Amino acid sequence: MPVGRAVDASRTAGVLSSVNPLYLRPAALNCRADRDKILSASLGGATRLRHHVRVGRKGLAVLLALLAVGAAVLAVVLVRGGSAAPGETPKQTFRDRNGDGVLERAGGEPLVNRTELAPRARVVSRVALFAQLTDAHVVDEESPARLELLDRRGPPFTSAFRPQEALSGRVLAAAVESLNALKPQAVVVTGDLIDNAQRNELDEALAILRGGRVDPNSGAPGYQGVQAASDPDPYYYRPDVDPPRHPGLLARAERPFQSPGLQAPWYPVVGNHDLLLQGNLAPSARTNAIATGDGKILALSSAALRAVRGLRLTPAVVARLLQYGLPGASVRVPADPRRRELAPAEALAALRRASGHGGRRPPSLSHL
């Protein structure tokens, strides 16, 4: 269900959460989804988006399927309906007016009535309220398994670095808080809860959903990564020194915080980033050694560059590149065994155990 300009959630590491009241109408069911609160994690700002969708009884199953699949490209937090309040998208938006990378206030965008599946009809009563939460991409942005240097290569490597990654856990906690205010009867978590199939990422995400103290830090205390003020690479945004400046942001991002916890039953569905490294590569003994080790690659070897340029990063090619260690120049970083990579069965079991739901039989994992 595209609304306005869709955002690739894997690039923004954003959170989509939808709250969908089901209504009875004289002759059909009505499903109404209102979108609210786009959280701008990197700038600490927020804007809102609101939209209405109504479908008939036959179209409801189609709509639910679209929610579980197509909505993964939206980085928004969706909340309840009603007239547009000040600060919501129909009243105002945030845009980069002059291309300087800074969002500024701009005019609003009108609501759009969606009548492709059924005409508008009078609402009689609400039957239930369910919510969708997807593409949180909770990430260990300090992990040596991250390949931020590939991002500058362009497609298909456009999700290797995101400037707001250190705030991913807090964005999910904010989405949880917004959902709790609406008291949904059920929440479906439709994949990519984490970003790099690491155990510490899943521990952080589940702690946020469970509620209580959450520790996002890994490795040594504080932030160690490509966004540090001392990093000389001009490609990466360094909030301590680069405009828009946010001194101390990364240090604060690594401190423990409190999550309200999701106060509704939730049902997990896995995504590619939950099971694959950065959503693309199955974990192996060699990649796990990098994730838990003390070496971080800074520049690729000529062989690795040829593979990247030829788009030949298949599991076999990656295995050959890693057979003698990191394929290129590297730097020492604090090792952390909590960064170990998850086997698919382990990830599924952890999600089922944490939610209390998720079925009894694992899906086929032969494609991984």
Protein backbone atom coordinates (compact mmCIF):
# COMPACT_ATOMS: atom_id res chain seq x y z
CA MET A 1 0.00 0.00 0.00
CA PRO A 2 2.17 2.87 -1.18
CA VAL A 3 1.41 6.13 0.57
CA GLY A 4 3.00 9.31 -0.68
CA ARG A 5 6.70 8.67 -1.21
CA ALA A 6 7.69 5.22 0.00
CA VAL A 7 10.92 4.91 1.95
CA ASP A 8 13.22 1.88 1.74
CA ALA A 9 13.22 0.72 5.34
CA SER A 10 16.49 -1.17 4.95
CA ARG A 11 18.22 2.11 4.05
CA THR A 12 16.66 4.14 6.83
CA ALA A 13 16.65 1.38 9.45
CA GLY A 14 13.24 2.75 10.27
CA VAL A 15 10.28 1.23 12.02
CA LEU A 16 6.89 0.60 10.51
CA SER A 17 4.12 0.01 12.96
CA SER A 18 0.51 0.02 11.85
CA VAL A 19 -2.61 0.11 13.96
CA ASN A 20 -5.64 -1.16 12.12
CA PRO A 21 -9.12 -1.00 13.64
CA LEU A 22 -11.55 -3.46 12.08
CA TYR A 23 -15.05 -1.99 11.72
CA LEU A 24 -18.43 -3.48 10.89
CA ARG A 25 -20.43 -1.80 8.12
CA PRO A 26 -24.01 -2.58 7.04
CA ALA A 27 -22.86 -4.97 4.28
CA ALA A 28 -19.15 -5.52 4.74
CA LEU A 29 -16.15 -5.39 7.01
CA ASN A 30 -14.15 -2.20 7.00
CA CYS A 31 -10.43 -2.03 7.65
CA ARG A 32 -9.10 1.43 8.40
CA ALA A 33 -5.40 2.13 8.77
CA ASP A 34 -4.18 5.54 9.85
CA ARG A 35 -0.55 6.47 9.59
CA ASP A 36 1.09 8.71 12.17
CA LYS A 37 4.52 9.71 13.42
CA ILE A 38 7.48 9.24 11.14
CA LEU A 39 10.42 9.22 13.53
CA SER A 40 13.53 10.90 12.17
CA ALA A 41 16.11 9.08 14.26
CA SER A 42 19.20 10.82 12.99
CA LEU A 43 17.90 14.33 13.66
CA GLY A 44 15.80 13.50 16.70
CA GLY A 45 12.81 15.08 14.98
CA ALA A 46 9.38 13.73 14.20
CA THR A 47 6.83 14.27 11.53
CA ARG A 48 3.51 12.52 10.99
CA LEU A 49 1.69 10.84 8.17
CA ARG A 50 -1.99 9.94 8.14
CA HIS A 51 -3.91 7.96 5.60
CA HIS A 52 -7.15 5.95 5.41
CA VAL A 53 -7.76 2.58 3.79
CA ARG A 54 -11.13 0.84 3.51
CA VAL A 55 -11.75 -2.55 1.97
CA GLY A 56 -14.68 -4.94 1.63
CA ARG A 57 -14.87 -8.43 3.10
CA LYS A 58 -13.28 -10.11 0.07
CA GLY A 59 -10.46 -7.59 -0.05
CA LEU A 60 -9.52 -7.93 3.62
CA ALA A 61 -7.32 -10.99 3.10
CA VAL A 62 -5.55 -9.25 0.24
CA LEU A 63 -4.98 -6.17 2.37
CA LEU A 64 -3.53 -8.20 5.24
CA ALA A 65 -1.12 -9.91 2.87
CA LEU A 66 -0.03 -6.53 1.51
CA LEU A 67 0.55 -5.31 5.05
CA ALA A 68 2.84 -8.24 5.76
CA VAL A 69 4.84 -7.94 2.53
CA GLY A 70 4.55 -4.59 0.79
CA ALA A 71 4.65 -2.43 3.91
CA ALA A 72 8.25 -3.41 4.57
CA VAL A 73 9.38 -0.54 2.31
CA LEU A 74 7.83 2.11 4.53
CA ALA A 75 9.72 3.59 7.47
CA VAL A 76 6.82 4.97 9.48
CA VAL A 77 5.05 4.56 12.77
CA LEU A 78 1.32 4.20 12.21
CA VAL A 79 -1.31 5.16 14.75
CA ARG A 80 -5.01 5.78 15.11
CA GLY A 81 -7.40 7.73 12.93
CA GLY A 82 -9.19 11.02 13.31
CA SER A 83 -8.76 14.52 12.02
CA ALA A 84 -5.27 15.74 11.37
CA ALA A 85 -3.67 17.34 14.39
CA PRO A 86 -1.07 20.12 14.21
CA GLY A 87 2.28 18.72 13.18
CA GLU A 88 0.85 15.81 11.21
CA THR A 89 1.62 15.30 7.53
CA PRO A 90 -1.68 16.79 6.24
CA LYS A 91 -0.65 20.00 8.05
CA GLN A 92 3.10 20.03 7.55
CA THR A 93 6.04 17.91 6.36
CA PHE A 94 9.81 17.98 6.66
CA ARG A 95 11.86 18.29 3.46
CA ASP A 96 15.41 19.03 2.40
CA ARG A 97 14.59 22.24 0.54
CA ASN A 98 18.06 23.17 -0.69
CA GLY A 99 19.94 19.86 -0.80
CA ASP A 100 22.15 20.58 2.23
CA GLY A 101 21.10 17.41 4.07
CA VAL A 102 19.08 19.27 6.72
CA LEU A 103 15.32 18.72 6.99
CA GLU A 104 13.19 21.86 7.18
CA ARG A 105 9.46 22.46 7.72
CA ALA A 106 7.38 22.40 4.55
CA GLY A 107 3.75 22.32 3.46
CA GLY A 108 1.37 19.46 4.19
CA GLU A 109 0.20 16.57 2.01
CA PRO A 110 -3.52 15.81 1.68
CA LEU A 111 -5.17 12.58 2.78
CA VAL A 112 -6.04 10.13 0.00
CA ASN A 113 -9.18 7.99 0.05
CA ARG A 114 -8.30 4.47 -1.12
CA THR A 115 -11.26 2.92 -2.90
CA GLU A 116 -9.55 0.44 -5.23
CA LEU A 117 -11.01 -2.59 -3.45
CA ALA A 118 -14.30 -1.20 -2.20
CA PRO A 119 -16.26 2.06 -2.11
CA ARG A 120 -16.49 4.19 0.99
CA ALA A 121 -19.14 3.12 3.48
CA ARG A 122 -20.50 4.20 6.84
CA VAL A 123 -18.75 2.77 9.90
CA VAL A 124 -21.05 0.94 12.33
CA SER A 125 -18.79 -0.40 15.08
CA ARG A 126 -15.22 -1.48 15.68
CA VAL A 127 -14.63 -5.22 15.97
CA ALA A 128 -10.92 -5.34 16.87
CA LEU A 129 -7.66 -3.43 16.78
CA PHE A 130 -4.47 -5.08 15.56
CA ALA A 131 -1.07 -3.57 14.84
CA GLN A 132 1.89 -4.31 12.61
CA LEU A 133 5.51 -3.65 13.54
CA THR A 134 8.18 -4.26 10.93
CA ASP A 135 11.69 -3.37 9.76
CA ALA A 136 13.07 -2.14 13.06
CA HIS A 137 16.59 -3.17 11.90
CA VAL A 138 18.01 -3.01 15.42
CA VAL A 139 21.70 -3.02 14.59
CA ASP A 140 25.06 -3.36 16.30
CA GLU A 141 26.63 -0.45 14.46
CA GLU A 142 29.98 -1.13 16.16
CA SER A 143 30.27 -4.71 14.89
CA PRO A 144 33.39 -5.62 12.86
CA ALA A 145 31.06 -7.68 10.65
CA ARG A 146 29.57 -4.48 9.25
CA LEU A 147 30.74 -3.52 5.75
CA GLU A 148 30.01 0.21 5.70
CA LEU A 149 32.71 0.75 3.09
CA LEU A 150 30.53 -0.97 0.47
CA ASP A 151 27.80 1.67 0.72
CA ARG A 152 29.69 4.14 -1.46
CA ARG A 153 29.66 1.58 -4.27
CA GLY A 154 25.98 2.21 -4.86
CA PRO A 155 23.38 -0.40 -5.83
CA PRO A 156 23.06 -3.13 -4.73
CA PHE A 157 25.18 -2.11 -1.71
CA THR A 158 22.95 0.76 -0.60
CA SER A 159 22.15 -0.48 2.91
CA ALA A 160 25.65 -1.00 4.25
CA PHE A 161 25.73 2.31 6.17
CA ARG A 162 23.00 4.51 7.61
CA PRO A 163 23.91 7.66 9.56
CA GLN A 164 21.28 7.06 12.28
CA GLU A 165 22.18 3.43 13.01
CA ALA A 166 23.26 4.04 16.60
CA LEU A 167 19.68 5.08 17.46
CA SER A 168 17.88 2.04 16.05
CA GLY A 169 16.99 0.59 19.45
CA ARG A 170 15.56 3.84 20.72
CA VAL A 171 13.46 4.23 17.57
CA LEU A 172 11.92 0.81 18.22
CA ALA A 173 11.25 1.74 21.86
CA ALA A 174 9.50 4.92 20.69
CA ALA A 175 7.32 2.89 18.31
CA VAL A 176 6.44 0.51 21.16
CA GLU A 177 5.43 3.46 23.34
CA SER A 178 3.18 4.83 20.58
CA LEU A 179 1.52 1.45 20.09
CA ASN A 180 0.91 0.99 23.81
CA ALA A 181 -1.09 4.21 23.89
CA LEU A 182 -3.57 2.65 21.44
CA LYS A 183 -4.02 -0.64 23.34
CA PRO A 184 -4.17 -3.03 20.35
CA GLN A 185 -5.42 -6.57 20.93
CA ALA A 186 -2.53 -8.06 18.92
CA VAL A 187 0.71 -6.99 17.23
CA VAL A 188 2.27 -8.81 14.27
CA VAL A 189 6.04 -8.29 13.99
CA THR A 190 6.60 -8.86 10.28
CA GLY A 191 10.33 -9.30 9.95
CA ASP A 192 13.73 -7.59 10.00
CA LEU A 193 13.55 -7.01 13.72
CA ILE A 194 17.36 -7.01 13.62
CA ASP A 195 19.83 -6.11 10.88
CA ASN A 196 22.83 -8.43 10.86
CA ALA A 197 21.68 -11.79 12.35
CA GLN A 198 23.75 -11.25 15.53
CA ARG A 199 22.83 -12.57 18.96
CA ASN A 200 23.39 -9.24 20.73
CA GLU A 201 21.12 -7.47 18.22
CA LEU A 202 18.32 -9.94 18.93
CA ASP A 203 18.91 -9.65 22.67
CA GLU A 204 18.53 -5.87 22.43
CA ALA A 205 15.40 -6.02 20.28
CA LEU A 206 13.71 -8.59 22.53
CA ALA A 207 14.64 -6.57 25.62
CA ILE A 208 12.88 -3.56 24.07
CA LEU A 209 9.75 -5.59 23.36
CA ARG A 210 9.89 -7.17 26.82
CA GLY A 211 10.44 -3.87 28.63
CA GLY A 212 12.89 -2.69 31.25
CA ARG A 213 16.59 -1.90 31.03
CA VAL A 214 18.16 -2.12 27.56
CA ASP A 215 21.92 -1.98 26.96
CA PRO A 216 22.71 -1.21 23.28
CA ASN A 217 26.50 -1.14 23.69
CA SER A 218 28.90 -3.79 22.43
CA GLY A 219 32.67 -4.18 22.50
CA ALA A 220 34.28 -1.66 24.87
CA PRO A 221 32.26 1.03 26.69
CA GLY A 222 31.31 3.96 24.49
CA TYR A 223 31.17 4.24 20.73
CA GLN A 224 33.79 2.72 18.42
CA GLY A 225 32.93 2.92 14.75
CA VAL A 226 33.16 4.76 11.46
CA GLN A 227 31.18 7.75 12.76
CA ALA A 228 33.69 8.63 15.47
CA ALA A 229 34.92 12.22 15.34
CA SER A 230 38.47 10.98 14.72
CA ASP A 231 37.54 9.00 11.58
CA PRO A 232 39.09 10.82 8.58
CA ASP A 233 36.86 9.23 5.91
CA PRO A 234 34.63 12.03 4.52
CA TYR A 235 31.95 9.54 3.41
CA TYR A 236 30.61 8.97 6.94
CA TYR A 237 28.53 11.46 8.89
CA ARG A 238 30.20 12.21 12.25
CA PRO A 239 27.60 13.90 14.47
CA ASP A 240 30.20 15.31 16.86
CA VAL A 241 31.85 17.44 14.16
CA ASP A 242 29.85 17.36 10.91
CA PRO A 243 26.76 19.48 10.22
CA PRO A 244 24.13 19.13 11.47
CA ARG A 245 26.22 18.81 14.63
CA HIS A 246 24.95 16.80 17.61
CA PRO A 247 27.91 16.68 20.03
CA GLY A 248 27.83 13.69 22.34
CA LEU A 249 25.05 11.93 20.42
CA LEU A 250 26.98 8.70 19.85
CA ALA A 251 28.17 8.53 23.45
CA ARG A 252 24.59 8.92 24.66
CA ALA A 253 23.35 6.37 22.14
CA GLU A 254 25.54 3.67 23.72
CA ARG A 255 24.18 4.19 27.23
CA PRO A 256 21.50 1.91 28.70
CA PHE A 257 17.92 3.12 28.48
CA GLN A 258 14.48 2.04 29.66
CA SER A 259 11.87 0.56 27.34
CA PRO A 260 8.16 0.49 28.23
CA GLY A 261 7.77 -2.96 26.70
CA LEU A 262 5.04 -3.97 24.28
CA GLN A 263 1.82 -4.33 26.25
CA ALA A 264 0.01 -6.61 23.79
CA PRO A 265 0.43 -10.16 22.53
CA TRP A 266 2.81 -10.20 19.58
CA TYR A 267 3.34 -12.69 16.79
CA PRO A 268 6.73 -12.90 15.01
CA VAL A 269 7.48 -13.40 11.33
CA VAL A 270 11.13 -13.58 10.24
CA GLY A 271 12.75 -11.44 7.55
CA ASN A 272 15.96 -11.81 5.59
CA HIS A 273 17.94 -9.59 8.01
CA ASP A 274 16.89 -11.76 10.95
CA LEU A 275 18.55 -14.82 9.39
CA LEU A 276 21.19 -13.50 6.97
CA LEU A 277 24.20 -11.23 7.38
CA GLN A 278 23.03 -7.76 6.40
CA GLY A 279 20.10 -9.58 4.80
CA ASN A 280 22.23 -11.21 2.09
CA LEU A 281 24.67 -13.90 3.22
CA ALA A 282 24.17 -17.03 5.32
CA PRO A 283 26.39 -17.10 8.43
CA SER A 284 29.45 -19.33 8.39
CA ALA A 285 32.33 -20.17 10.69
CA ARG A 286 34.51 -17.60 8.91
CA THR A 287 31.98 -14.77 9.08
CA ASN A 288 31.27 -15.59 12.73
CA ALA A 289 34.99 -15.33 13.51
CA ILE A 290 34.95 -11.81 12.05
CA ALA A 291 31.82 -10.79 13.96
CA THR A 292 33.22 -11.92 17.31
CA GLY A 293 36.84 -11.01 16.57
CA ASP A 294 39.03 -7.95 16.94
CA GLY A 295 39.66 -6.99 13.31
CA LYS A 296 37.64 -4.43 11.34
CA ILE A 297 38.20 -4.11 7.59
CA LEU A 298 38.81 -0.58 6.31
CA ALA A 299 39.75 -1.15 2.65
CA LEU A 300 39.21 -4.07 0.32
CA SER A 301 41.96 -6.06 -1.36
CA SER A 302 42.15 -6.03 -5.16
CA ALA A 303 40.54 -9.47 -5.33
CA ALA A 304 37.69 -8.38 -3.10
CA LEU A 305 37.22 -5.20 -5.15
CA ARG A 306 36.97 -7.24 -8.34
CA ALA A 307 34.28 -9.40 -6.76
CA VAL A 308 32.36 -6.34 -5.60
CA ARG A 309 32.58 -4.61 -8.97
CA GLY A 310 31.45 -7.76 -10.72
CA LEU A 311 28.60 -8.27 -8.24
CA ARG A 312 29.94 -11.76 -7.57
CA LEU A 313 29.62 -11.90 -3.77
CA THR A 314 28.20 -15.41 -3.73
CA PRO A 315 28.74 -17.62 -0.63
CA ALA A 316 31.49 -19.52 -2.46
CA VAL A 317 33.31 -16.33 -3.49
CA VAL A 318 33.01 -14.88 0.01
CA ALA A 319 34.38 -18.12 1.49
CA ARG A 320 37.43 -17.91 -0.80
CA LEU A 321 38.01 -14.25 0.04
CA LEU A 322 37.93 -15.01 3.77
CA GLN A 323 40.05 -18.16 3.77
CA TYR A 324 43.14 -16.21 4.86
CA GLY A 325 41.40 -13.70 7.10
CA LEU A 326 40.10 -10.22 6.34
CA PRO A 327 40.52 -9.40 2.61
CA GLY A 328 42.13 -6.00 2.91
CA ALA A 329 43.51 -3.39 5.30
CA SER A 330 42.09 -3.61 8.80
CA VAL A 331 42.25 -2.05 12.24
CA ARG A 332 42.04 -3.54 15.74
CA VAL A 333 38.71 -3.19 17.55
CA PRO A 334 37.40 -4.54 20.88
CA ALA A 335 36.20 -8.13 20.43
CA ASP A 336 32.85 -9.25 21.83
CA PRO A 337 31.59 -12.86 21.91
CA ARG A 338 28.01 -11.58 22.26
CA ARG A 339 28.18 -10.62 18.59
CA ARG A 340 28.07 -14.25 17.49
CA GLU A 341 25.93 -14.96 14.46
CA LEU A 342 22.62 -16.75 14.85
CA ALA A 343 21.74 -20.00 13.19
CA PRO A 344 18.24 -19.75 11.64
CA ALA A 345 16.79 -22.34 14.02
CA GLU A 346 18.20 -20.43 17.00
CA ALA A 347 16.68 -17.15 15.82
CA LEU A 348 13.29 -18.77 15.27
CA ALA A 349 13.37 -20.45 18.68
CA ALA A 350 14.28 -17.19 20.43
CA LEU A 351 11.44 -15.30 18.75
CA ARG A 352 8.92 -18.00 19.60
CA ARG A 353 10.10 -18.21 23.18
CA ALA A 354 10.03 -14.44 23.70
CA SER A 355 6.60 -13.95 22.14
CA GLY A 356 4.96 -17.14 23.29
CA HIS A 357 3.73 -17.58 19.72
CA GLY A 358 5.01 -18.49 16.29
CA GLY A 359 3.84 -22.01 15.49
CA ARG A 360 5.26 -25.44 16.19
CA ARG A 361 7.19 -26.31 13.01
CA PRO A 362 10.08 -24.37 11.45
CA PRO A 363 9.74 -23.26 7.83
CA SER A 364 11.97 -24.69 5.16
CA LEU A 365 15.40 -23.09 5.37
CA SER A 366 16.92 -24.87 2.40
CA HIS A 367 17.32 -21.58 0.50
CA LEU A 368 19.66 -20.10 3.12
